[in-house]
């Protein structure tokens, strides 16, 4: 069980193997459910090998500038809830690349220049932001992406 930076608890349930989840607590005032599904257009996050990084990190994407897609690598030092997302220049979330509890390791994902609805975004500057929270873990980083069509 992980506690986020705001005092809430994070529960990770794999709905591919567990067909239901019961949350019972009279103190709960808000419940956020984050789903990942290839059908919903979310991209895969792949773990790269068995090495454990010494620190959290978000690397610069490559290629940059890019068209039609770019690779994003990041490192998880301790088990944490990782939120990796793409934002436009006015700070609106465009695409969620990862929103899940990840174990220590090096990870790779890609962004193909589409939003969460599968629509192509316009040429321009975007930012990828990674936030990792959990027990004794707190990390945030931002990198600039340039999409050219």
C-alpha atoms as a PDB file:
ATOM      1  CA  UNK A   1       0.000   0.000   0.000  1.00  0.00           C
ATOM      2  CA  UNK A   2       1.455   3.375  -1.038  1.00  0.00           C
ATOM      3  CA  UNK A   3       0.585   6.760   0.393  1.00  0.00           C
ATOM      4  CA  UNK A   4       0.670   9.668  -2.011  1.00  0.00           C
ATOM      5  CA  UNK A   5       2.089  13.126  -1.269  1.00  0.00           C
ATOM      6  CA  UNK A   6      -1.336  14.404  -0.200  1.00  0.00           C
ATOM      7  CA  UNK A   7      -1.989  11.712   2.408  1.00  0.00           C
ATOM      8  CA  UNK A   8      -4.178   9.503   0.224  1.00  0.00           C
ATOM      9  CA  UNK A   9      -3.632   5.820  -0.393  1.00  0.00           C
ATOM     10  CA  UNK A  10      -2.915   4.263  -3.759  1.00  0.00           C
ATOM     11  CA  UNK A  11      -4.113   0.769  -4.565  1.00  0.00           C
ATOM     12  CA  UNK A  12      -2.972  -1.040  -7.695  1.00  0.00           C
ATOM     13  CA  UNK A  13      -5.391  -3.672  -9.036  1.00  0.00           C
ATOM     14  CA  UNK A  14      -4.725  -5.562 -12.250  1.00  0.00           C
ATOM     15  CA  UNK A  15      -8.204  -5.852 -13.701  1.00  0.00           C
ATOM     16  CA  UNK A  16      -6.933  -8.334 -16.294  1.00  0.00           C
ATOM     17  CA  UNK A  17      -6.497 -10.914 -13.528  1.00  0.00           C
ATOM     18  CA  UNK A  18      -8.793  -9.541 -10.802  1.00  0.00           C
ATOM     19  CA  UNK A  19     -12.305  -8.967 -12.116  1.00  0.00           C
ATOM     20  CA  UNK A  20     -13.415  -6.834  -9.185  1.00  0.00           C
ATOM     21  CA  UNK A  21     -12.063  -4.600  -6.447  1.00  0.00           C
ATOM     22  CA  UNK A  22     -13.823  -3.636  -3.232  1.00  0.00           C
ATOM     23  CA  UNK A  23     -12.954  -0.370  -1.512  1.00  0.00           C
ATOM     24  CA  UNK A  24     -14.683   0.030   1.830  1.00  0.00           C
ATOM     25  CA  UNK A  25     -13.884   2.925   4.142  1.00  0.00           C
ATOM     26  CA  UNK A  26     -16.369   5.487   5.473  1.00  0.00           C
ATOM     27  CA  UNK A  27     -13.623   8.147   5.500  1.00  0.00           C
ATOM     28  CA  UNK A  28     -13.228   8.032   1.705  1.00  0.00           C
ATOM     29  CA  UNK A  29     -14.480  11.238   0.129  1.00  0.00           C
ATOM     30  CA  UNK A  30     -12.940  10.864  -3.324  1.00  0.00           C
ATOM     31  CA  UNK A  31     -12.052   7.828  -5.382  1.00  0.00           C
ATOM     32  CA  UNK A  32     -10.058   8.221  -8.593  1.00  0.00           C
ATOM     33  CA  UNK A  33      -9.881   5.247 -10.915  1.00  0.00           C
ATOM     34  CA  UNK A  34      -7.149   5.327 -13.525  1.00  0.00           C
ATOM     35  CA  UNK A  35      -7.421   2.781 -16.276  1.00  0.00           C
ATOM     36  CA  UNK A  36      -4.871   1.679 -18.843  1.00  0.00           C
ATOM     37  CA  UNK A  37      -5.929  -0.159 -21.911  1.00  0.00           C
ATOM     38  CA  UNK A  38      -4.510  -0.616 -25.384  1.00  0.00           C
ATOM     39  CA  UNK A  39      -8.071  -0.243 -26.659  1.00  0.00           C
ATOM     40  CA  UNK A  40      -8.265   3.169 -24.974  1.00  0.00           C
ATOM     41  CA  UNK A  41      -5.118   4.201 -26.839  1.00  0.00           C
ATOM     42  CA  UNK A  42      -2.682   4.353 -23.923  1.00  0.00           C
ATOM     43  CA  UNK A  43       0.857   3.436 -24.818  1.00  0.00           C
ATOM     44  CA  UNK A  44       2.818   0.629 -23.251  1.00  0.00           C
ATOM     45  CA  UNK A  45       5.548   1.183 -20.701  1.00  0.00           C
ATOM     46  CA  UNK A  46       8.262  -1.452 -20.966  1.00  0.00           C
ATOM     47  CA  UNK A  47      10.741  -2.339 -18.256  1.00  0.00           C
ATOM     48  CA  UNK A  48      14.296  -2.578 -19.596  1.00  0.00           C
ATOM     49  CA  UNK A  49      16.264  -5.390 -17.907  1.00  0.00           C
ATOM     50  CA  UNK A  50      16.670  -6.102 -14.212  1.00  0.00           C
ATOM     51  CA  UNK A  51      19.027  -3.298 -13.181  1.00  0.00           C
ATOM     52  CA  UNK A  52      17.963  -1.032 -10.308  1.00  0.00           C
ATOM     53  CA  UNK A  53      18.754   2.666 -10.754  1.00  0.00           C
ATOM     54  CA  UNK A  54      20.451   4.711  -8.047  1.00  0.00           C
ATOM     55  CA  UNK A  55      18.003   7.593  -8.506  1.00  0.00           C
ATOM     56  CA  UNK A  56      14.762   8.632 -10.170  1.00  0.00           C
ATOM     57  CA  UNK A  57      15.307  10.169 -13.598  1.00  0.00           C
ATOM     58  CA  UNK A  58      13.504  11.381 -16.693  1.00  0.00           C
ATOM     59  CA  UNK A  59      15.777  11.415 -19.728  1.00  0.00           C
ATOM     60  CA  UNK A  60      15.488  13.736 -22.707  1.00  0.00           C
ATOM     61  CA  UNK A  61      13.326  12.201 -25.423  1.00  0.00           C
ATOM     62  CA  UNK A  62      14.867  11.080 -28.698  1.00  0.00           C
ATOM     63  CA  UNK A  63      14.710  11.971 -31.439  1.00  0.00           C
ATOM     64  CA  UNK A  64      13.986  15.602 -30.633  1.00  0.00           C
ATOM     65  CA  UNK A  65      12.627  17.291 -32.699  1.00  0.00           C
ATOM     66  CA  UNK A  66      10.514  14.348 -33.833  1.00  0.00           C
ATOM     67  CA  UNK A  67       7.940  13.187 -36.354  1.00  0.00           C
ATOM     68  CA  UNK A  68       5.985  10.942 -36.135  1.00  0.00           C
ATOM     69  CA  UNK A  69       7.021   9.509 -32.733  1.00  0.00           C
ATOM     70  CA  UNK A  70       9.596   9.872 -29.979  1.00  0.00           C
ATOM     71  CA  UNK A  71      11.010   7.593 -27.268  1.00  0.00           C
ATOM     72  CA  UNK A  72      10.953   8.555 -23.591  1.00  0.00           C
ATOM     73  CA  UNK A  73      13.094   6.763 -21.009  1.00  0.00           C
ATOM     74  CA  UNK A  74      12.822   7.090 -17.250  1.00  0.00           C
ATOM     75  CA  UNK A  75      14.146   5.430 -14.100  1.00  0.00           C
ATOM     76  CA  UNK A  76      12.297   4.404 -10.936  1.00  0.00           C
ATOM     77  CA  UNK A  77      14.571   4.122  -7.883  1.00  0.00           C
ATOM     78  CA  UNK A  78      11.945   2.868  -5.395  1.00  0.00           C
ATOM     79  CA  UNK A  79       8.483   1.403  -5.885  1.00  0.00           C
ATOM     80  CA  UNK A  80       6.298   4.415  -6.570  1.00  0.00           C
ATOM     81  CA  UNK A  81       3.222   5.641  -8.370  1.00  0.00           C
ATOM     82  CA  UNK A  82       4.581   7.062 -11.625  1.00  0.00           C
ATOM     83  CA  UNK A  83       2.627   9.638 -13.606  1.00  0.00           C
ATOM     84  CA  UNK A  84       4.263  10.353 -16.968  1.00  0.00           C
ATOM     85  CA  UNK A  85       2.276  12.700 -19.183  1.00  0.00           C
ATOM     86  CA  UNK A  86       2.612  15.112 -22.094  1.00  0.00           C
ATOM     87  CA  UNK A  87       1.448  18.732 -21.699  1.00  0.00           C
ATOM     88  CA  UNK A  88       1.037  21.598 -24.157  1.00  0.00           C
ATOM     89  CA  UNK A  89       2.645  25.025 -23.668  1.00  0.00           C
ATOM     90  CA  UNK A  90      -0.320  26.349 -21.665  1.00  0.00           C
ATOM     91  CA  UNK A  91      -0.110  23.461 -19.196  1.00  0.00           C
ATOM     92  CA  UNK A  92      -3.029  21.328 -20.394  1.00  0.00           C
ATOM     93  CA  UNK A  93      -2.516  17.570 -20.200  1.00  0.00           C
ATOM     94  CA  UNK A  94      -2.481  16.199 -23.743  1.00  0.00           C
ATOM     95  CA  UNK A  95      -1.577  12.541 -23.259  1.00  0.00           C
ATOM     96  CA  UNK A  96      -1.072  10.173 -20.330  1.00  0.00           C
ATOM     97  CA  UNK A  97       1.809   7.802 -21.036  1.00  0.00           C
ATOM     98  CA  UNK A  98       1.943   6.063 -17.633  1.00  0.00           C
ATOM     99  CA  UNK A  99      -0.157   6.297 -14.485  1.00  0.00           C
ATOM    100  CA  UNK A 100       0.605   3.268 -12.379  1.00  0.00           C
ATOM    101  CA  UNK A 101       2.673   1.823  -9.560  1.00  0.00           C
ATOM    102  CA  UNK A 102       6.054   0.763 -10.941  1.00  0.00           C
ATOM    103  CA  UNK A 103       8.805  -1.237  -9.278  1.00  0.00           C
ATOM    104  CA  UNK A 104      12.449  -0.107  -9.366  1.00  0.00           C
ATOM    105  CA  UNK A 105      13.940  -0.256 -12.842  1.00  0.00           C
ATOM    106  CA  UNK A 106      14.545   1.483 -16.140  1.00  0.00           C
ATOM    107  CA  UNK A 107      11.498   2.048 -18.349  1.00  0.00           C
ATOM    108  CA  UNK A 108      10.820   3.104 -21.927  1.00  0.00           C
ATOM    109  CA  UNK A 109       7.659   4.419 -23.541  1.00  0.00           C
ATOM    110  CA  UNK A 110       6.862   6.334 -26.707  1.00  0.00           C
ATOM    111  CA  UNK A 111       4.603   9.185 -27.781  1.00  0.00           C
ATOM    112  CA  UNK A 112       3.201   9.284 -31.288  1.00  0.00           C
ATOM    113  CA  UNK A 113       1.930  12.872 -31.318  1.00  0.00           C
ATOM    114  CA  UNK A 114      -1.668  12.076 -30.410  1.00  0.00           C
ATOM    115  CA  UNK A 115      -3.841  13.131 -27.482  1.00  0.00           C
ATOM    116  CA  UNK A 116      -5.740  10.863 -25.067  1.00  0.00           C
ATOM    117  CA  UNK A 117      -8.585  10.655 -27.618  1.00  0.00           C
ATOM    118  CA  UNK A 118      -6.275   9.420 -30.379  1.00  0.00           C
ATOM    119  CA  UNK A 119      -6.406  12.730 -32.266  1.00  0.00           C
ATOM    120  CA  UNK A 120      -3.199  14.085 -33.832  1.00  0.00           C
ATOM    121  CA  UNK A 121      -1.882  17.203 -32.095  1.00  0.00           C
ATOM    122  CA  UNK A 122      -0.480  20.217 -33.925  1.00  0.00           C
ATOM    123  CA  UNK A 123       3.156  20.998 -34.619  1.00  0.00           C
ATOM    124  CA  UNK A 124       4.764  22.726 -31.663  1.00  0.00           C
ATOM    125  CA  UNK A 125       6.444  22.603 -28.301  1.00  0.00           C
ATOM    126  CA  UNK A 126       5.221  20.094 -25.711  1.00  0.00           C
ATOM    127  CA  UNK A 127       6.535  18.973 -22.335  1.00  0.00           C
ATOM    128  CA  UNK A 128       6.791  15.518 -20.821  1.00  0.00           C
ATOM    129  CA  UNK A 129       6.460  15.540 -17.033  1.00  0.00           C
ATOM    130  CA  UNK A 130       7.203  12.690 -14.684  1.00  0.00           C
ATOM    131  CA  UNK A 131       6.010  12.666 -11.081  1.00  0.00           C
ATOM    132  CA  UNK A 132       6.795   9.705  -8.816  1.00  0.00           C
ATOM    133  CA  UNK A 133       5.260   9.492  -5.339  1.00  0.00           C
ATOM    134  CA  UNK A 134       5.228   6.815  -2.674  1.00  0.00           C
ATOM    135  CA  UNK A 135       6.671   5.773   0.674  1.00  0.00           C
ATOM    136  CA  UNK A 136       9.946   7.718   1.036  1.00  0.00           C
ATOM    137  CA  UNK A 137       9.767   8.646  -2.652  1.00  0.00           C
ATOM    138  CA  UNK A 138       9.139  11.978  -4.265  1.00  0.00           C
ATOM    139  CA  UNK A 139      10.362  13.064  -7.670  1.00  0.00           C
ATOM    140  CA  UNK A 140       9.324  15.464 -10.399  1.00  0.00           C
ATOM    141  CA  UNK A 141      11.021  16.329 -13.700  1.00  0.00           C
ATOM    142  CA  UNK A 142      10.127  18.073 -16.949  1.00  0.00           C
ATOM    143  CA  UNK A 143      11.606  17.834 -20.467  1.00  0.00           C
ATOM    144  CA  UNK A 144      10.800  19.847 -23.601  1.00  0.00           C
ATOM    145  CA  UNK A 145       9.629  18.051 -26.762  1.00  0.00           C
ATOM    146  CA  UNK A 146       9.384  19.529 -30.251  1.00  0.00           C
ATOM    147  CA  UNK A 147       6.925  17.974 -32.702  1.00  0.00           C
ATOM    148  CA  UNK A 148       7.497  18.950 -36.360  1.00  0.00           C
ATOM    149  CA  UNK A 149       5.118  17.889 -39.120  1.00  0.00           C
END
